[in-house]
Amino acid sequence: MPAYVEPDPFHPGAFRVVAGDTAQSWVDPADPLRIEFEYVQRVVEALDATVLARPSDERVRVVHLGGGGLTIPRYVAARRPGTAQVVCEPDADLVEQVRRVMPLPARSGIKVRTVAGREGLEAMPPDHIDALVLDAFDGPRVPASLATGEFLAEVAARRRRGGVFIANITDRAPFTWSRRFAAAVRDVHRSMLVSAETAVWKGRRFGNLVVVAADGPLPATELSRQAARAAFPYRYLAGRDVVDWIGAATPFTDEDQQSSPVPKRGTWFS
């Protein structure tokens, strides 16, 4: 199901990226700080509270696996001008549409590479990345190759000291797939947070989970307060609650890799 760009019928000047009947990105090129999808708000809040909060004279590099409409790279460029960003997006047709319909501003610092996420990551040198944002979907599913222990080890090898890993994944209770993904994340990070809307945690519907991990402490209290004030509040798990939620789940490997579950028709992603 090829992705395509279309105008948002309710917001003049805004666009969305759609694959099948699933909206995967929303962008207002004139106002890149405007974030409509709830999970994207959680992602940019995590970036704001970590690497984007560093002193303005400190060089920061952010890598995005999955591009869509470039919502998050545009936000980072507007929030912290001069940030070096690389986007790995394998859908060349989508990249061409995005560049034509909603081109990036001059000197945005955003470089888009038409390459699959894992291939793009493995081409990068060690100790290279301050923040890696995983927001990659093959249609409605997170690709299997981006959920294994081997992939997360590649992430850790390229993360600079103090770096952060942020992932948007999708699942439904009892979270069999996402707990295995989280087990792989935990193996290579000292700190981890997991958030989702209350309805998702309670098993009422399929939805997004945002995973935030780092090699040092994370601002769990700050992020939890922001998420609780959202129009559709998210609840964070931290510390022992994350360990208990993962339970006995074991990481996927390259030998037994599995894509994320398929949502019901009409589910919105951001």
C-alpha atoms as a PDB file:
ATOM      1  CA  MET A   1       0.000   0.000   0.000  1.00  0.00           C
ATOM      2  CA  PRO A   2       1.925   3.063  -1.239  1.00  0.00           C
ATOM      3  CA  ALA A   3       1.951   6.155   0.939  1.00  0.00           C
ATOM      4  CA  TYR A   4       0.941   9.498  -0.521  1.00  0.00           C
ATOM      5  CA  VAL A   5       0.590  13.140   0.522  1.00  0.00           C
ATOM      6  CA  GLU A   6      -2.800  14.851   0.546  1.00  0.00           C
ATOM      7  CA  PRO A   7      -4.117  18.183   1.860  1.00  0.00           C
ATOM      8  CA  ASP A   8      -5.774  18.060   5.264  1.00  0.00           C
ATOM      9  CA  PRO A   9      -9.449  18.843   4.548  1.00  0.00           C
ATOM     10  CA  PHE A  10      -9.923  20.485   7.948  1.00  0.00           C
ATOM     11  CA  HIS A  11      -6.751  22.615   8.205  1.00  0.00           C
ATOM     12  CA  PRO A  12      -5.939  24.806   5.176  1.00  0.00           C
ATOM     13  CA  GLY A  13      -2.232  24.710   4.377  1.00  0.00           C
ATOM     14  CA  ALA A  14      -1.626  21.468   6.277  1.00  0.00           C
ATOM     15  CA  PHE A  15      -0.976  18.031   4.808  1.00  0.00           C
ATOM     16  CA  ARG A  16      -1.060  14.444   5.896  1.00  0.00           C
ATOM     17  CA  VAL A  17       0.697  11.300   4.716  1.00  0.00           C
ATOM     18  CA  VAL A  18      -1.715   8.417   4.183  1.00  0.00           C
ATOM     19  CA  ALA A  19      -1.081   4.713   3.572  1.00  0.00           C
ATOM     20  CA  GLY A  20      -4.254   2.817   2.754  1.00  0.00           C
ATOM     21  CA  ASP A  21      -6.817   4.157   5.216  1.00  0.00           C
ATOM     22  CA  THR A  22      -4.180   4.982   7.824  1.00  0.00           C
ATOM     23  CA  ALA A  23      -2.946   8.545   8.365  1.00  0.00           C
ATOM     24  CA  GLN A  24       0.725   8.290   9.307  1.00  0.00           C
ATOM     25  CA  SER A  25       1.907  11.924   9.439  1.00  0.00           C
ATOM     26  CA  TRP A  26       0.440  15.402   9.803  1.00  0.00           C
ATOM     27  CA  VAL A  27       2.398  18.537   8.876  1.00  0.00           C
ATOM     28  CA  ASP A  28       1.752  22.271   8.753  1.00  0.00           C
ATOM     29  CA  PRO A  29       4.818  23.529   6.838  1.00  0.00           C
ATOM     30  CA  ALA A  30       4.110  27.109   7.905  1.00  0.00           C
ATOM     31  CA  ASP A  31       4.026  26.153  11.603  1.00  0.00           C
ATOM     32  CA  PRO A  32       6.352  23.181  12.234  1.00  0.00           C
ATOM     33  CA  LEU A  33       5.941  23.535  16.008  1.00  0.00           C
ATOM     34  CA  ARG A  34       2.253  22.658  15.701  1.00  0.00           C
ATOM     35  CA  ILE A  35       1.884  18.983  16.556  1.00  0.00           C
ATOM     36  CA  GLU A  36      -1.539  17.400  16.118  1.00  0.00           C
ATOM     37  CA  PHE A  37      -0.968  13.712  16.804  1.00  0.00           C
ATOM     38  CA  GLU A  38      -0.660  12.775  20.458  1.00  0.00           C
ATOM     39  CA  TYR A  39       2.196  10.315  20.115  1.00  0.00           C
ATOM     40  CA  VAL A  40       4.289  12.897  18.251  1.00  0.00           C
ATOM     41  CA  GLN A  41       3.740  15.261  21.170  1.00  0.00           C
ATOM     42  CA  ARG A  42       5.226  12.645  23.488  1.00  0.00           C
ATOM     43  CA  VAL A  43       8.227  12.210  21.166  1.00  0.00           C
ATOM     44  CA  VAL A  44       9.008  15.924  20.909  1.00  0.00           C
ATOM     45  CA  GLU A  45       8.495  16.387  24.642  1.00  0.00           C
ATOM     46  CA  ALA A  46      11.140  13.720  25.228  1.00  0.00           C
ATOM     47  CA  LEU A  47      13.488  15.430  22.785  1.00  0.00           C
ATOM     48  CA  ASP A  48      12.859  18.837  24.371  1.00  0.00           C
ATOM     49  CA  ALA A  49      13.612  17.487  27.840  1.00  0.00           C
ATOM     50  CA  THR A  50      16.851  15.765  26.815  1.00  0.00           C
ATOM     51  CA  VAL A  51      19.119  16.601  23.872  1.00  0.00           C
ATOM     52  CA  LEU A  52      17.308  19.741  22.699  1.00  0.00           C
ATOM     53  CA  ALA A  53      17.764  21.229  26.178  1.00  0.00           C
ATOM     54  CA  ARG A  54      21.555  21.183  25.871  1.00  0.00           C
ATOM     55  CA  PRO A  55      23.472  24.488  25.620  1.00  0.00           C
ATOM     56  CA  SER A  56      22.901  26.209  22.282  1.00  0.00           C
ATOM     57  CA  ASP A  57      26.600  26.115  21.389  1.00  0.00           C
ATOM     58  CA  GLU A  58      26.740  22.316  21.725  1.00  0.00           C
ATOM     59  CA  ARG A  59      26.509  20.386  18.466  1.00  0.00           C
ATOM     60  CA  VAL A  60      23.618  17.908  18.477  1.00  0.00           C
ATOM     61  CA  ARG A  61      22.957  15.176  15.907  1.00  0.00           C
ATOM     62  CA  VAL A  62      19.518  13.567  15.592  1.00  0.00           C
ATOM     63  CA  VAL A  63      18.849  10.537  13.383  1.00  0.00           C
ATOM     64  CA  HIS A  64      15.347   9.523  12.322  1.00  0.00           C
ATOM     65  CA  LEU A  65      14.558   6.023  11.071  1.00  0.00           C
ATOM     66  CA  GLY A  66      11.342   6.588   9.148  1.00  0.00           C
ATOM     67  CA  GLY A  67      10.491   9.936   7.623  1.00  0.00           C
ATOM     68  CA  GLY A  68       6.848  10.232   6.642  1.00  0.00           C
ATOM     69  CA  GLY A  69       6.074  13.914   6.206  1.00  0.00           C
ATOM     70  CA  LEU A  70       9.174  14.871   8.250  1.00  0.00           C
ATOM     71  CA  THR A  71       7.013  16.181  11.092  1.00  0.00           C
ATOM     72  CA  ILE A  72       9.559  15.559  13.840  1.00  0.00           C
ATOM     73  CA  PRO A  73      12.648  16.713  11.879  1.00  0.00           C
ATOM     74  CA  ARG A  74      10.827  19.958  11.008  1.00  0.00           C
ATOM     75  CA  TYR A  75       9.956  20.454  14.681  1.00  0.00           C
ATOM     76  CA  VAL A  76      13.563  19.907  15.769  1.00  0.00           C
ATOM     77  CA  ALA A  77      14.863  22.325  13.125  1.00  0.00           C
ATOM     78  CA  ALA A  78      12.417  25.012  14.294  1.00  0.00           C
ATOM     79  CA  ARG A  79      13.001  24.410  18.002  1.00  0.00           C
ATOM     80  CA  ARG A  80      16.787  24.188  17.819  1.00  0.00           C
ATOM     81  CA  PRO A  81      18.150  25.710  14.581  1.00  0.00           C
ATOM     82  CA  GLY A  82      21.475  24.298  13.493  1.00  0.00           C
ATOM     83  CA  THR A  83      20.757  20.771  14.701  1.00  0.00           C
ATOM     84  CA  ALA A  84      22.276  18.211  12.320  1.00  0.00           C
ATOM     85  CA  GLN A  85      19.619  15.715  11.280  1.00  0.00           C
ATOM     86  CA  VAL A  86      19.608  12.645   9.065  1.00  0.00           C
ATOM     87  CA  VAL A  87      16.385  10.929   7.997  1.00  0.00           C
ATOM     88  CA  CYS A  88      16.423   7.377   6.618  1.00  0.00           C
ATOM     89  CA  GLU A  89      13.257   6.823   4.573  1.00  0.00           C
ATOM     90  CA  PRO A  90      13.242   3.984   2.012  1.00  0.00           C
ATOM     91  CA  ASP A  91      10.117   5.126   0.129  1.00  0.00           C
ATOM     92  CA  ALA A  92      11.661   7.201  -2.666  1.00  0.00           C
ATOM     93  CA  ASP A  93       8.264   8.071  -4.172  1.00  0.00           C
ATOM     94  CA  LEU A  94       7.065   9.436  -0.842  1.00  0.00           C
ATOM     95  CA  VAL A  95      10.266  11.416  -0.355  1.00  0.00           C
ATOM     96  CA  GLU A  96       9.781  12.995  -3.790  1.00  0.00           C
ATOM     97  CA  GLN A  97       6.177  13.910  -2.987  1.00  0.00           C
ATOM     98  CA  VAL A  98       7.116  15.456   0.354  1.00  0.00           C
ATOM     99  CA  ARG A  99       9.921  17.492  -1.217  1.00  0.00           C
ATOM    100  CA  ARG A 100       7.616  18.735  -3.972  1.00  0.00           C
ATOM    101  CA  VAL A 101       4.436  19.445  -1.993  1.00  0.00           C
ATOM    102  CA  MET A 102       5.941  20.708   1.268  1.00  0.00           C
ATOM    103  CA  PRO A 103       9.642  21.427   0.653  1.00  0.00           C
ATOM    104  CA  LEU A 104      12.030  21.917   3.530  1.00  0.00           C
ATOM    105  CA  PRO A 105      13.228  25.461   4.220  1.00  0.00           C
ATOM    106  CA  ALA A 106      16.700  26.451   3.081  1.00  0.00           C
ATOM    107  CA  ARG A 107      19.524  25.478   5.462  1.00  0.00           C
ATOM    108  CA  SER A 108      17.194  23.311   7.545  1.00  0.00           C
ATOM    109  CA  GLY A 109      20.047  20.980   8.512  1.00  0.00           C
ATOM    110  CA  ILE A 110      17.876  17.997   7.496  1.00  0.00           C
ATOM    111  CA  LYS A 111      19.377  15.419   5.125  1.00  0.00           C
ATOM    112  CA  VAL A 112      17.036  12.767   3.740  1.00  0.00           C
ATOM    113  CA  ARG A 113      18.520   9.462   2.586  1.00  0.00           C
ATOM    114  CA  THR A 114      16.346   7.031   0.621  1.00  0.00           C
ATOM    115  CA  VAL A 115      17.551   3.985   2.480  1.00  0.00           C
ATOM    116  CA  ALA A 116      15.965   1.490   4.868  1.00  0.00           C
ATOM    117  CA  GLY A 117      16.387   2.315   8.548  1.00  0.00           C
ATOM    118  CA  ARG A 118      18.686  -0.503   9.583  1.00  0.00           C
ATOM    119  CA  GLU A 119      20.853  -0.180   6.498  1.00  0.00           C
ATOM    120  CA  GLY A 120      21.159   3.549   7.063  1.00  0.00           C
ATOM    121  CA  LEU A 121      22.015   3.104  10.727  1.00  0.00           C
ATOM    122  CA  GLU A 122      24.664   0.461  10.085  1.00  0.00           C
ATOM    123  CA  ALA A 123      26.422   2.820   7.656  1.00  0.00           C
ATOM    124  CA  MET A 124      26.946   5.361  10.439  1.00  0.00           C
ATOM    125  CA  PRO A 125      30.106   5.371  12.597  1.00  0.00           C
ATOM    126  CA  PRO A 126      30.201   4.490  16.300  1.00  0.00           C
ATOM    127  CA  ASP A 127      29.643   7.206  18.907  1.00  0.00           C
ATOM    128  CA  HIS A 128      27.761   9.306  16.369  1.00  0.00           C
ATOM    129  CA  ILE A 129      24.184   9.961  17.497  1.00  0.00           C
ATOM    130  CA  ASP A 130      22.767  12.142  20.283  1.00  0.00           C
ATOM    131  CA  ALA A 131      19.170  11.103  19.643  1.00  0.00           C
ATOM    132  CA  LEU A 132      17.705   8.348  17.513  1.00  0.00           C
ATOM    133  CA  VAL A 133      13.976   8.491  16.754  1.00  0.00           C
ATOM    134  CA  LEU A 134      12.459   5.256  15.487  1.00  0.00           C
ATOM    135  CA  ASP A 135       9.150   5.985  13.753  1.00  0.00           C
ATOM    136  CA  ALA A 136       9.225   3.556  10.850  1.00  0.00           C
ATOM    137  CA  PHE A 137       6.265   1.688   9.445  1.00  0.00           C
ATOM    138  CA  ASP A 138       5.827  -0.681   6.527  1.00  0.00           C
ATOM    139  CA  GLY A 139       2.183   0.118   5.925  1.00  0.00           C
ATOM    140  CA  PRO A 140       0.646  -0.141   9.407  1.00  0.00           C
ATOM    141  CA  ARG A 141       3.397  -2.299  10.959  1.00  0.00           C
ATOM    142  CA  VAL A 142       6.791  -1.663  12.520  1.00  0.00           C
ATOM    143  CA  PRO A 143       9.299  -3.623  10.369  1.00  0.00           C
ATOM    144  CA  ALA A 144      10.548  -6.780  12.014  1.00  0.00           C
ATOM    145  CA  SER A 145      14.213  -5.910  11.409  1.00  0.00           C
ATOM    146  CA  LEU A 146      13.854  -2.780  13.575  1.00  0.00           C
ATOM    147  CA  ALA A 147      12.714  -4.641  16.668  1.00  0.00           C
ATOM    148  CA  THR A 148      15.457  -7.179  17.369  1.00  0.00           C
ATOM    149  CA  GLY A 149      18.178  -7.334  19.945  1.00  0.00           C
ATOM    150  CA  GLU A 150      20.789  -7.123  17.201  1.00  0.00           C
ATOM    151  CA  PHE A 151      19.228  -3.906  15.891  1.00  0.00           C
ATOM    152  CA  LEU A 152      19.154  -2.365  19.376  1.00  0.00           C
ATOM    153  CA  ALA A 153      22.803  -3.310  19.828  1.00  0.00           C
ATOM    154  CA  GLU A 154      23.569  -1.358  16.640  1.00  0.00           C
ATOM    155  CA  VAL A 155      21.679   1.608  18.118  1.00  0.00           C
ATOM    156  CA  ALA A 156      23.704   1.433  21.337  1.00  0.00           C
ATOM    157  CA  ALA A 157      26.992   1.225  19.430  1.00  0.00           C
ATOM    158  CA  ARG A 158      26.247   4.484  17.616  1.00  0.00           C
ATOM    159  CA  ARG A 159      24.800   6.403  20.555  1.00  0.00           C
ATOM    160  CA  ARG A 160      27.008   9.083  22.053  1.00  0.00           C
ATOM    161  CA  ARG A 161      27.330   9.406  25.811  1.00  0.00           C
ATOM    162  CA  GLY A 162      24.175  11.036  27.131  1.00  0.00           C
ATOM    163  CA  GLY A 163      22.238  10.065  24.017  1.00  0.00           C
ATOM    164  CA  VAL A 164      18.584   9.095  23.949  1.00  0.00           C
ATOM    165  CA  PHE A 165      16.568   6.520  22.003  1.00  0.00           C
ATOM    166  CA  ILE A 166      12.889   7.237  21.318  1.00  0.00           C
ATOM    167  CA  ALA A 167      10.579   4.804  19.539  1.00  0.00           C
ATOM    168  CA  ASN A 168       6.982   4.893  18.431  1.00  0.00           C
ATOM    169  CA  ILE A 169       5.539   1.392  18.268  1.00  0.00           C
ATOM    170  CA  THR A 170       2.004   0.024  18.096  1.00  0.00           C
ATOM    171  CA  ASP A 171       0.313  -2.862  19.821  1.00  0.00           C
ATOM    172  CA  ARG A 172      -2.686  -3.967  21.827  1.00  0.00           C
ATOM    173  CA  ALA A 173      -3.080  -5.692  25.200  1.00  0.00           C
ATOM    174  CA  PRO A 174      -1.610  -8.036  26.366  1.00  0.00           C
ATOM    175  CA  PHE A 175       1.329  -6.333  24.558  1.00  0.00           C
ATOM    176  CA  THR A 176       3.121  -9.533  23.651  1.00  0.00           C
ATOM    177  CA  TRP A 177       5.024  -7.889  20.780  1.00  0.00           C
ATOM    178  CA  SER A 178       5.828  -4.581  22.499  1.00  0.00           C
ATOM    179  CA  ARG A 179       7.078  -6.250  25.676  1.00  0.00           C
ATOM    180  CA  ARG A 180       9.583  -8.232  23.597  1.00  0.00           C
ATOM    181  CA  PHE A 181      10.644  -5.029  21.845  1.00  0.00           C
ATOM    182  CA  ALA A 182      11.029  -3.326  25.229  1.00  0.00           C
ATOM    183  CA  ALA A 183      13.095  -6.241  26.530  1.00  0.00           C
ATOM    184  CA  ALA A 184      15.596  -5.604  23.725  1.00  0.00           C
ATOM    185  CA  VAL A 185      15.669  -1.886  24.527  1.00  0.00           C
ATOM    186  CA  ARG A 186      16.256  -2.586  28.220  1.00  0.00           C
ATOM    187  CA  ASP A 187      19.217  -4.839  27.464  1.00  0.00           C
ATOM    188  CA  VAL A 188      21.268  -1.939  26.045  1.00  0.00           C
ATOM    189  CA  HIS A 189      20.024   1.055  28.077  1.00  0.00           C
ATOM    190  CA  ARG A 190      20.250   1.878  31.773  1.00  0.00           C
ATOM    191  CA  SER A 191      16.984   3.846  31.935  1.00  0.00           C
ATOM    192  CA  MET A 192      13.676   3.350  30.145  1.00  0.00           C
ATOM    193  CA  LEU A 193      10.171   4.832  30.138  1.00  0.00           C
ATOM    194  CA  VAL A 194       7.106   3.521  28.314  1.00  0.00           C
ATOM    195  CA  SER A 195       3.943   5.547  27.742  1.00  0.00           C
ATOM    196  CA  ALA A 196       0.528   5.049  26.175  1.00  0.00           C
ATOM    197  CA  GLU A 197      -2.966   6.419  26.470  1.00  0.00           C
ATOM    198  CA  THR A 198      -4.971   5.035  29.379  1.00  0.00           C
ATOM    199  CA  ALA A 199      -7.401   3.305  27.020  1.00  0.00           C
ATOM    200  CA  VAL A 200      -4.498   1.456  25.401  1.00  0.00           C
ATOM    201  CA  TRP A 201      -3.037   0.392  28.750  1.00  0.00           C
ATOM    202  CA  LYS A 202      -6.455  -0.902  29.819  1.00  0.00           C
ATOM    203  CA  GLY A 203      -6.825  -2.971  26.674  1.00  0.00           C
ATOM    204  CA  ARG A 204      -9.757  -1.009  25.290  1.00  0.00           C
ATOM    205  CA  ARG A 205      -8.112  -0.402  21.923  1.00  0.00           C
ATOM    206  CA  PHE A 206      -5.039  -0.800  19.748  1.00  0.00           C
ATOM    207  CA  GLY A 207      -2.706   2.195  19.866  1.00  0.00           C
ATOM    208  CA  ASN A 208       0.690   3.837  20.046  1.00  0.00           C
ATOM    209  CA  LEU A 209       3.276   3.257  22.744  1.00  0.00           C
ATOM    210  CA  VAL A 210       6.244   5.615  23.044  1.00  0.00           C
ATOM    211  CA  VAL A 211       9.468   4.176  24.442  1.00  0.00           C
ATOM    212  CA  VAL A 212      12.185   6.519  25.756  1.00  0.00           C
ATOM    213  CA  ALA A 213      15.555   5.084  26.788  1.00  0.00           C
ATOM    214  CA  ALA A 214      19.028   6.368  27.644  1.00  0.00           C
ATOM    215  CA  ASP A 215      22.337   5.383  29.174  1.00  0.00           C
ATOM    216  CA  GLY A 216      21.705   7.740  32.094  1.00  0.00           C
ATOM    217  CA  PRO A 217      18.771   9.172  34.085  1.00  0.00           C
ATOM    218  CA  LEU A 218      15.635  10.320  32.274  1.00  0.00           C
ATOM    219  CA  PRO A 219      13.266  13.162  33.332  1.00  0.00           C
ATOM    220  CA  ALA A 220      10.411  10.801  34.184  1.00  0.00           C
ATOM    221  CA  THR A 221       8.561  13.211  36.469  1.00  0.00           C
ATOM    222  CA  GLU A 222       8.643  16.069  33.963  1.00  0.00           C
ATOM    223  CA  LEU A 223       7.508  13.900  31.065  1.00  0.00           C
ATOM    224  CA  SER A 224       4.767  12.268  33.132  1.00  0.00           C
ATOM    225  CA  ARG A 225       3.352  15.644  34.122  1.00  0.00           C
ATOM    226  CA  GLN A 226       3.314  16.871  30.526  1.00  0.00           C
ATOM    227  CA  ALA A 227       1.655  13.691  29.292  1.00  0.00           C
ATOM    228  CA  ALA A 228      -0.995  13.837  32.018  1.00  0.00           C
ATOM    229  CA  ARG A 229      -1.994  17.357  30.917  1.00  0.00           C
ATOM    230  CA  ALA A 230      -2.526  16.340  27.284  1.00  0.00           C
ATOM    231  CA  ALA A 231      -5.933  16.416  25.630  1.00  0.00           C
ATOM    232  CA  PHE A 232      -5.751  12.618  25.500  1.00  0.00           C
ATOM    233  CA  PRO A 233      -3.569  11.873  28.537  1.00  0.00           C
ATOM    234  CA  TYR A 234      -0.757   9.353  28.340  1.00  0.00           C
ATOM    235  CA  ARG A 235       0.477   7.444  31.386  1.00  0.00           C
ATOM    236  CA  TYR A 236       4.176   6.644  31.804  1.00  0.00           C
ATOM    237  CA  LEU A 237       5.686   3.526  33.293  1.00  0.00           C
ATOM    238  CA  ALA A 238       9.100   4.026  34.882  1.00  0.00           C
ATOM    239  CA  GLY A 239      11.546   2.130  37.053  1.00  0.00           C
ATOM    240  CA  ARG A 240      10.175  -1.030  38.599  1.00  0.00           C
ATOM    241  CA  ASP A 241       6.867  -0.631  36.767  1.00  0.00           C
ATOM    242  CA  VAL A 242       8.675  -1.035  33.428  1.00  0.00           C
ATOM    243  CA  VAL A 243      10.511  -4.130  34.670  1.00  0.00           C
ATOM    244  CA  ASP A 244       7.251  -5.666  35.904  1.00  0.00           C
ATOM    245  CA  TRP A 245       5.476  -4.847  32.638  1.00  0.00           C
ATOM    246  CA  ILE A 246       8.183  -6.520  30.548  1.00  0.00           C
ATOM    247  CA  GLY A 247       8.070  -9.517  32.851  1.00  0.00           C
ATOM    248  CA  ALA A 248       9.568 -12.673  31.365  1.00  0.00           C
ATOM    249  CA  ALA A 249       9.451 -11.386  27.776  1.00  0.00           C
ATOM    250  CA  THR A 250      12.629 -12.044  25.799  1.00  0.00           C
ATOM    251  CA  PRO A 251      14.005  -9.898  22.952  1.00  0.00           C
ATOM    252  CA  PHE A 252      13.331 -10.738  19.340  1.00  0.00           C
ATOM    253  CA  THR A 253      16.415 -11.878  17.454  1.00  0.00           C
ATOM    254  CA  ASP A 254      17.237 -11.671  13.766  1.00  0.00           C
ATOM    255  CA  GLU A 255      16.352 -15.369  13.576  1.00  0.00           C
ATOM    256  CA  ASP A 256      12.852 -15.023  15.073  1.00  0.00           C
ATOM    257  CA  GLN A 257      12.048 -11.427  14.129  1.00  0.00           C
ATOM    258  CA  GLN A 258       8.430 -10.378  13.822  1.00  0.00           C
ATOM    259  CA  SER A 259       6.646  -7.242  12.619  1.00  0.00           C
ATOM    260  CA  SER A 260       4.265  -5.476  14.988  1.00  0.00           C
ATOM    261  CA  PRO A 261       0.583  -6.491  15.023  1.00  0.00           C
ATOM    262  CA  VAL A 262      -1.850  -5.217  12.399  1.00  0.00           C
ATOM    263  CA  PRO A 263      -4.335  -2.598  13.653  1.00  0.00           C
ATOM    264  CA  LYS A 264      -8.003  -2.514  12.848  1.00  0.00           C
ATOM    265  CA  ARG A 265      -9.036  -0.528   9.792  1.00  0.00           C
ATOM    266  CA  GLY A 266      -9.111   3.236  10.202  1.00  0.00           C
ATOM    267  CA  THR A 267      -6.540   3.505  12.983  1.00  0.00           C
ATOM    268  CA  TRP A 268      -4.655   6.840  12.973  1.00  0.00           C
ATOM    269  CA  PHE A 269      -0.940   7.069  13.500  1.00  0.00           C
ATOM    270  CA  SER A 270       1.115  10.238  13.700  1.00  0.00           C
END
